[in-house]
């Protein structure tokens, strides 16, 4: 565990993230997928969602499968600070297989998970 921590510190230093003043806290722990987050994901990113401008999951997705994908992305994906000064982190992970569609309708193999500072999932979508 300590070795993994130091490897992360070294990687961040080499990438310039620590030197740029942006701190990325990467605890790689379980995140909380709340009912509110599930509703948001289903309303905007579920296969039958009519929401425009949003990546969609592949037909057949279940809440249990979504939960597993989110945990896998957080455990194995690339972490970075949330954008536009918003608190929290973004995890991105490439599953190497189609998991849904991108905004442009093409196949999506990657998952982006937005996590609040309290470790709650804000959003998770294919891209």
N, C-alpha and C. Protein backbone atom coordinates (compact mmCIF):
# COMPACT_ATOMS: atom_id res chain seq x y z
N UNK A 1 0.82 -1.20 0.00
CA UNK A 1 0.00 0.00 0.00
C UNK A 1 0.86 1.25 0.00
N UNK A 2 1.89 1.27 0.84
CA UNK A 2 2.77 2.42 0.90
C UNK A 2 3.50 2.61 -0.43
N UNK A 3 3.92 1.49 -1.03
CA UNK A 3 4.58 1.55 -2.32
C UNK A 3 3.67 2.18 -3.37
N UNK A 4 2.41 1.77 -3.38
CA UNK A 4 1.44 2.31 -4.34
C UNK A 4 1.25 3.81 -4.14
N UNK A 5 1.22 4.24 -2.88
CA UNK A 5 1.09 5.67 -2.57
C UNK A 5 2.27 6.44 -3.14
N UNK A 6 3.47 5.96 -2.90
CA UNK A 6 4.66 6.68 -3.38
C UNK A 6 4.73 6.67 -4.91
N UNK A 7 4.29 5.60 -5.53
CA UNK A 7 4.26 5.57 -6.99
C UNK A 7 3.30 6.65 -7.51
N UNK A 8 2.17 6.84 -6.82
CA UNK A 8 1.22 7.88 -7.20
C UNK A 8 1.85 9.25 -7.03
N UNK A 9 2.55 9.48 -5.94
CA UNK A 9 3.21 10.77 -5.70
C UNK A 9 4.23 11.05 -6.79
N UNK A 10 5.02 10.05 -7.13
CA UNK A 10 6.03 10.22 -8.17
C UNK A 10 5.36 10.51 -9.52
N UNK A 11 4.31 9.78 -9.82
CA UNK A 11 3.60 10.00 -11.10
C UNK A 11 3.02 11.40 -11.15
N UNK A 12 2.45 11.87 -10.06
CA UNK A 12 1.89 13.22 -10.05
C UNK A 12 2.97 14.27 -10.20
N UNK A 13 4.10 14.05 -9.56
CA UNK A 13 5.21 15.00 -9.70
C UNK A 13 5.69 15.05 -11.15
N UNK A 14 5.84 13.89 -11.75
CA UNK A 14 6.30 13.85 -13.14
C UNK A 14 5.28 14.46 -14.10
N UNK A 15 3.99 14.33 -13.77
CA UNK A 15 2.97 14.89 -14.66
C UNK A 15 2.81 16.38 -14.46
N UNK A 16 3.37 16.92 -13.39
CA UNK A 16 3.27 18.35 -13.13
C UNK A 16 2.07 18.74 -12.31
N UNK A 17 1.20 17.80 -11.94
CA UNK A 17 0.00 18.15 -11.20
C UNK A 17 0.31 18.73 -9.83
N UNK A 18 1.28 18.15 -9.12
CA UNK A 18 1.63 18.68 -7.80
C UNK A 18 2.34 20.01 -7.93
N UNK A 19 3.17 20.14 -8.96
CA UNK A 19 3.91 21.39 -9.14
C UNK A 19 3.01 22.53 -9.58
N UNK A 20 1.89 22.21 -10.23
CA UNK A 20 0.99 23.24 -10.71
C UNK A 20 0.07 23.76 -9.62
N UNK A 21 0.13 23.16 -8.43
CA UNK A 21 -0.71 23.61 -7.33
C UNK A 21 -2.04 22.91 -7.26
N UNK A 22 -2.34 22.03 -8.19
CA UNK A 22 -3.59 21.28 -8.15
C UNK A 22 -3.35 19.97 -7.43
N UNK A 23 -4.03 19.79 -6.35
CA UNK A 23 -3.88 18.56 -5.58
C UNK A 23 -4.98 17.60 -5.95
N UNK A 24 -4.60 16.41 -6.30
CA UNK A 24 -5.57 15.36 -6.61
C UNK A 24 -5.48 14.33 -5.49
N UNK A 25 -6.52 14.25 -4.70
CA UNK A 25 -6.58 13.26 -3.64
C UNK A 25 -7.12 11.98 -4.23
N UNK A 26 -6.36 10.94 -4.17
CA UNK A 26 -6.73 9.69 -4.82
C UNK A 26 -6.73 8.56 -3.81
N UNK A 27 -7.84 8.36 -3.15
CA UNK A 27 -7.91 7.36 -2.11
C UNK A 27 -8.27 5.99 -2.64
N UNK A 28 -8.78 5.88 -3.84
CA UNK A 28 -9.13 4.61 -4.47
C UNK A 28 -9.99 3.74 -3.56
N UNK A 29 -10.93 4.35 -2.91
CA UNK A 29 -11.81 3.58 -2.04
C UNK A 29 -13.19 3.47 -2.68
N UNK A 30 -14.04 2.71 -2.04
CA UNK A 30 -15.40 2.56 -2.53
C UNK A 30 -16.10 3.91 -2.51
N UNK A 31 -16.85 4.17 -3.55
CA UNK A 31 -17.63 5.39 -3.60
C UNK A 31 -19.10 5.04 -3.36
N UNK A 32 -19.85 6.04 -2.93
CA UNK A 32 -21.25 5.84 -2.56
C UNK A 32 -22.15 6.22 -3.74
N UNK A 33 -22.83 5.26 -4.30
CA UNK A 33 -23.79 5.49 -5.38
C UNK A 33 -25.17 5.65 -4.75
N UNK A 34 -25.58 6.88 -4.54
CA UNK A 34 -26.83 7.17 -3.85
C UNK A 34 -28.04 7.00 -4.77
N UNK A 35 -29.24 6.86 -4.20
CA UNK A 35 -30.44 6.82 -5.03
C UNK A 35 -30.58 8.06 -5.91
N UNK A 36 -30.19 9.20 -5.39
CA UNK A 36 -30.24 10.45 -6.18
C UNK A 36 -29.34 10.35 -7.41
N UNK A 37 -28.12 9.84 -7.23
CA UNK A 37 -27.20 9.69 -8.36
C UNK A 37 -27.73 8.67 -9.37
N UNK A 38 -28.31 7.58 -8.86
CA UNK A 38 -28.89 6.58 -9.77
C UNK A 38 -30.00 7.22 -10.60
N UNK A 39 -30.86 8.00 -9.97
CA UNK A 39 -31.94 8.68 -10.72
C UNK A 39 -31.37 9.59 -11.80
N UNK A 40 -30.35 10.37 -11.44
CA UNK A 40 -29.73 11.27 -12.42
C UNK A 40 -29.17 10.47 -13.60
N UNK A 41 -28.44 9.41 -13.29
CA UNK A 41 -27.82 8.60 -14.35
C UNK A 41 -28.89 7.97 -15.23
N UNK A 42 -29.95 7.46 -14.63
CA UNK A 42 -31.02 6.85 -15.42
C UNK A 42 -31.74 7.89 -16.27
N UNK A 43 -31.99 9.07 -15.73
CA UNK A 43 -32.70 10.10 -16.48
C UNK A 43 -31.88 10.66 -17.64
N UNK A 44 -30.58 10.70 -17.50
CA UNK A 44 -29.75 11.34 -18.52
C UNK A 44 -28.95 10.35 -19.37
N UNK A 45 -28.56 9.21 -18.81
CA UNK A 45 -27.60 8.35 -19.49
C UNK A 45 -28.06 6.92 -19.72
N UNK A 46 -29.27 6.57 -19.29
CA UNK A 46 -29.79 5.21 -19.50
C UNK A 46 -30.07 5.01 -20.98
N UNK A 47 -30.06 3.80 -21.51
CA UNK A 47 -30.25 3.58 -22.95
C UNK A 47 -31.51 4.22 -23.53
N UNK A 48 -32.59 4.26 -22.75
CA UNK A 48 -33.86 4.81 -23.27
C UNK A 48 -34.07 6.28 -22.89
N UNK A 49 -33.04 6.94 -22.37
CA UNK A 49 -33.17 8.35 -22.00
C UNK A 49 -33.25 9.23 -23.24
N UNK A 50 -34.21 10.16 -23.27
CA UNK A 50 -34.30 11.07 -24.40
C UNK A 50 -33.39 12.29 -24.26
N UNK A 51 -32.62 12.39 -23.16
CA UNK A 51 -31.78 13.56 -22.92
C UNK A 51 -30.76 13.74 -24.04
N UNK A 52 -30.74 14.92 -24.64
CA UNK A 52 -29.77 15.17 -25.73
C UNK A 52 -28.39 15.48 -25.16
N UNK A 53 -27.37 15.30 -25.98
CA UNK A 53 -26.02 15.70 -25.61
C UNK A 53 -25.44 14.92 -24.45
N UNK A 54 -25.74 13.64 -24.36
CA UNK A 54 -25.25 12.84 -23.25
C UNK A 54 -24.90 11.44 -23.73
N UNK A 55 -23.78 10.91 -23.25
CA UNK A 55 -23.44 9.53 -23.53
C UNK A 55 -24.48 8.62 -22.90
N UNK A 56 -24.72 7.50 -23.54
CA UNK A 56 -25.73 6.54 -23.06
C UNK A 56 -25.11 5.17 -22.84
N UNK A 57 -25.60 4.47 -21.82
CA UNK A 57 -25.18 3.09 -21.57
C UNK A 57 -25.80 2.17 -22.61
N UNK A 58 -25.18 1.02 -22.80
CA UNK A 58 -25.68 0.02 -23.74
C UNK A 58 -26.98 -0.58 -23.19
N UNK A 59 -27.88 -0.98 -24.09
CA UNK A 59 -29.11 -1.66 -23.64
C UNK A 59 -28.76 -2.87 -22.78
N UNK A 60 -29.59 -3.10 -21.77
CA UNK A 60 -29.37 -4.23 -20.87
C UNK A 60 -28.64 -3.86 -19.59
N UNK A 61 -28.18 -2.61 -19.48
CA UNK A 61 -27.50 -2.19 -18.25
C UNK A 61 -28.44 -2.32 -17.06
N UNK A 62 -27.89 -2.73 -15.94
CA UNK A 62 -28.66 -2.81 -14.70
C UNK A 62 -27.97 -1.92 -13.65
N UNK A 63 -28.68 -1.63 -12.59
CA UNK A 63 -28.08 -0.83 -11.52
C UNK A 63 -26.89 -1.58 -10.91
N UNK A 64 -27.01 -2.88 -10.76
CA UNK A 64 -25.89 -3.67 -10.21
C UNK A 64 -24.68 -3.61 -11.14
N UNK A 65 -24.90 -3.74 -12.44
CA UNK A 65 -23.79 -3.65 -13.40
C UNK A 65 -23.19 -2.25 -13.39
N UNK A 66 -24.04 -1.23 -13.29
CA UNK A 66 -23.56 0.15 -13.20
C UNK A 66 -22.66 0.32 -11.98
N UNK A 67 -23.11 -0.19 -10.85
CA UNK A 67 -22.34 -0.09 -9.60
C UNK A 67 -20.97 -0.75 -9.76
N UNK A 68 -20.93 -1.92 -10.37
CA UNK A 68 -19.65 -2.61 -10.60
C UNK A 68 -18.74 -1.82 -11.52
N UNK A 69 -19.30 -1.27 -12.59
CA UNK A 69 -18.49 -0.49 -13.52
C UNK A 69 -17.91 0.75 -12.83
N UNK A 70 -18.72 1.41 -12.03
CA UNK A 70 -18.25 2.60 -11.32
C UNK A 70 -17.11 2.24 -10.38
N UNK A 71 -17.28 1.17 -9.60
CA UNK A 71 -16.21 0.77 -8.67
C UNK A 71 -14.94 0.39 -9.43
N UNK A 72 -15.09 -0.27 -10.55
CA UNK A 72 -13.91 -0.65 -11.35
C UNK A 72 -13.22 0.60 -11.90
N UNK A 73 -13.99 1.57 -12.36
CA UNK A 73 -13.40 2.81 -12.89
C UNK A 73 -12.66 3.58 -11.80
N UNK A 74 -13.25 3.64 -10.61
CA UNK A 74 -12.60 4.35 -9.51
C UNK A 74 -11.34 3.62 -9.06
N UNK A 75 -11.40 2.30 -9.00
CA UNK A 75 -10.25 1.52 -8.53
C UNK A 75 -9.10 1.52 -9.53
N UNK A 76 -9.42 1.53 -10.83
CA UNK A 76 -8.38 1.33 -11.84
C UNK A 76 -8.16 2.51 -12.79
N UNK A 77 -9.05 3.48 -12.74
CA UNK A 77 -8.98 4.57 -13.71
C UNK A 77 -8.01 5.67 -13.33
N UNK A 78 -7.91 6.62 -14.24
CA UNK A 78 -7.07 7.80 -14.04
C UNK A 78 -7.88 8.83 -13.25
N UNK A 79 -7.29 9.37 -12.20
CA UNK A 79 -7.97 10.37 -11.36
C UNK A 79 -7.43 11.75 -11.68
N UNK A 80 -8.34 12.72 -11.66
CA UNK A 80 -7.94 14.12 -11.81
C UNK A 80 -8.94 15.00 -11.08
N UNK A 81 -8.53 16.23 -10.86
CA UNK A 81 -9.40 17.19 -10.19
C UNK A 81 -10.62 17.48 -11.06
N UNK A 82 -11.75 17.73 -10.45
CA UNK A 82 -12.95 18.11 -11.20
C UNK A 82 -12.68 19.41 -11.96
N UNK A 83 -13.48 19.70 -12.95
CA UNK A 83 -13.25 20.84 -13.83
C UNK A 83 -13.98 22.10 -13.37
N UNK A 84 -13.57 23.21 -13.93
CA UNK A 84 -14.20 24.52 -13.71
C UNK A 84 -14.30 24.90 -12.23
N UNK A 85 -13.31 24.51 -11.45
CA UNK A 85 -13.27 24.88 -10.05
C UNK A 85 -14.27 24.15 -9.16
N UNK A 86 -14.97 23.17 -9.73
CA UNK A 86 -15.93 22.41 -8.92
C UNK A 86 -15.18 21.45 -8.01
N UNK A 87 -15.71 21.24 -6.80
CA UNK A 87 -15.03 20.32 -5.88
C UNK A 87 -15.20 18.88 -6.33
N UNK A 88 -14.29 18.04 -5.90
CA UNK A 88 -14.38 16.62 -6.19
C UNK A 88 -13.37 16.16 -7.22
N UNK A 89 -13.55 14.93 -7.65
CA UNK A 89 -12.63 14.30 -8.58
C UNK A 89 -13.36 13.65 -9.73
N UNK A 90 -12.62 13.45 -10.80
CA UNK A 90 -13.12 12.72 -11.95
C UNK A 90 -12.22 11.51 -12.14
N UNK A 91 -12.84 10.36 -12.33
CA UNK A 91 -12.12 9.13 -12.66
C UNK A 91 -12.52 8.72 -14.07
N UNK A 92 -11.53 8.35 -14.87
CA UNK A 92 -11.81 7.89 -16.23
C UNK A 92 -11.12 6.55 -16.44
N UNK A 93 -11.90 5.63 -17.00
CA UNK A 93 -11.38 4.27 -17.21
C UNK A 93 -11.85 3.74 -18.55
N UNK A 94 -10.92 3.11 -19.29
CA UNK A 94 -11.24 2.50 -20.57
C UNK A 94 -11.43 1.00 -20.36
N UNK A 95 -12.65 0.53 -20.60
CA UNK A 95 -12.96 -0.88 -20.41
C UNK A 95 -12.45 -1.74 -21.57
N UNK A 96 -12.06 -1.11 -22.67
CA UNK A 96 -11.54 -1.87 -23.80
C UNK A 96 -12.61 -2.63 -24.58
N UNK A 97 -13.86 -2.31 -24.30
CA UNK A 97 -15.00 -2.92 -25.00
C UNK A 97 -16.14 -1.91 -24.96
N UNK A 98 -17.05 -1.98 -25.90
CA UNK A 98 -18.16 -1.02 -25.89
C UNK A 98 -19.02 -1.16 -24.62
N UNK A 99 -19.29 -0.03 -23.99
CA UNK A 99 -20.17 0.00 -22.81
C UNK A 99 -21.39 0.89 -23.06
N UNK A 100 -21.42 1.50 -24.22
CA UNK A 100 -22.53 2.40 -24.56
C UNK A 100 -22.17 3.22 -25.77
N UNK A 101 -22.79 4.40 -25.86
CA UNK A 101 -22.52 5.29 -26.99
C UNK A 101 -22.08 6.66 -26.49
N UNK A 102 -21.23 7.29 -27.30
CA UNK A 102 -20.77 8.66 -27.02
C UNK A 102 -21.87 9.64 -27.42
N UNK A 103 -21.63 10.90 -27.14
CA UNK A 103 -22.58 11.95 -27.52
C UNK A 103 -22.84 11.93 -29.01
N UNK A 104 -21.80 11.64 -29.81
CA UNK A 104 -21.95 11.64 -31.27
C UNK A 104 -22.57 10.36 -31.81
N UNK A 105 -22.92 9.42 -30.92
CA UNK A 105 -23.55 8.18 -31.35
C UNK A 105 -22.59 7.03 -31.60
N UNK A 106 -21.30 7.31 -31.61
CA UNK A 106 -20.29 6.27 -31.81
C UNK A 106 -20.15 5.41 -30.57
N UNK A 107 -19.49 4.27 -30.70
CA UNK A 107 -19.33 3.39 -29.54
C UNK A 107 -18.41 4.00 -28.48
N UNK A 108 -18.82 3.87 -27.24
CA UNK A 108 -18.03 4.37 -26.11
C UNK A 108 -17.43 3.18 -25.37
N UNK A 109 -16.15 3.26 -25.10
CA UNK A 109 -15.47 2.22 -24.32
C UNK A 109 -15.03 2.74 -22.96
N UNK A 110 -15.12 4.05 -22.77
CA UNK A 110 -14.63 4.66 -21.54
C UNK A 110 -15.79 5.13 -20.65
N UNK A 111 -15.52 5.15 -19.34
CA UNK A 111 -16.49 5.62 -18.36
C UNK A 111 -15.86 6.77 -17.59
N UNK A 112 -16.62 7.84 -17.43
CA UNK A 112 -16.21 8.98 -16.61
C UNK A 112 -17.11 9.00 -15.38
N UNK A 113 -16.48 9.03 -14.21
CA UNK A 113 -17.20 9.05 -12.94
C UNK A 113 -16.81 10.33 -12.20
N UNK A 114 -17.80 11.14 -11.86
CA UNK A 114 -17.58 12.36 -11.09
C UNK A 114 -17.95 12.06 -9.65
N UNK A 115 -17.02 12.33 -8.73
CA UNK A 115 -17.19 12.00 -7.31
C UNK A 115 -17.03 13.26 -6.48
N UNK A 116 -17.95 13.46 -5.54
CA UNK A 116 -17.91 14.63 -4.66
C UNK A 116 -16.81 14.46 -3.61
N UNK A 117 -16.45 15.56 -2.92
CA UNK A 117 -15.46 15.44 -1.84
C UNK A 117 -15.90 14.50 -0.72
N UNK A 118 -17.20 14.25 -0.62
CA UNK A 118 -17.72 13.32 0.40
C UNK A 118 -17.80 11.89 -0.13
N UNK A 119 -17.16 11.65 -1.27
CA UNK A 119 -17.07 10.32 -1.86
C UNK A 119 -18.40 9.80 -2.39
N UNK A 120 -19.29 10.72 -2.78
CA UNK A 120 -20.57 10.32 -3.38
C UNK A 120 -20.48 10.52 -4.89
N UNK A 121 -21.02 9.56 -5.63
CA UNK A 121 -21.04 9.68 -7.08
C UNK A 121 -22.01 10.81 -7.45
N UNK A 122 -21.55 11.72 -8.28
CA UNK A 122 -22.38 12.82 -8.80
C UNK A 122 -22.96 12.41 -10.15
N UNK A 123 -22.11 11.83 -11.00
CA UNK A 123 -22.51 11.40 -12.33
C UNK A 123 -21.56 10.30 -12.80
N UNK A 124 -22.02 9.48 -13.71
CA UNK A 124 -21.18 8.45 -14.32
C UNK A 124 -21.75 8.17 -15.70
N UNK A 125 -20.92 8.33 -16.73
CA UNK A 125 -21.44 8.18 -18.08
C UNK A 125 -20.39 7.70 -19.05
N UNK A 126 -20.83 6.96 -20.07
CA UNK A 126 -19.90 6.52 -21.13
C UNK A 126 -19.49 7.72 -21.98
N UNK A 127 -18.23 7.65 -22.45
CA UNK A 127 -17.76 8.69 -23.37
C UNK A 127 -16.70 8.12 -24.30
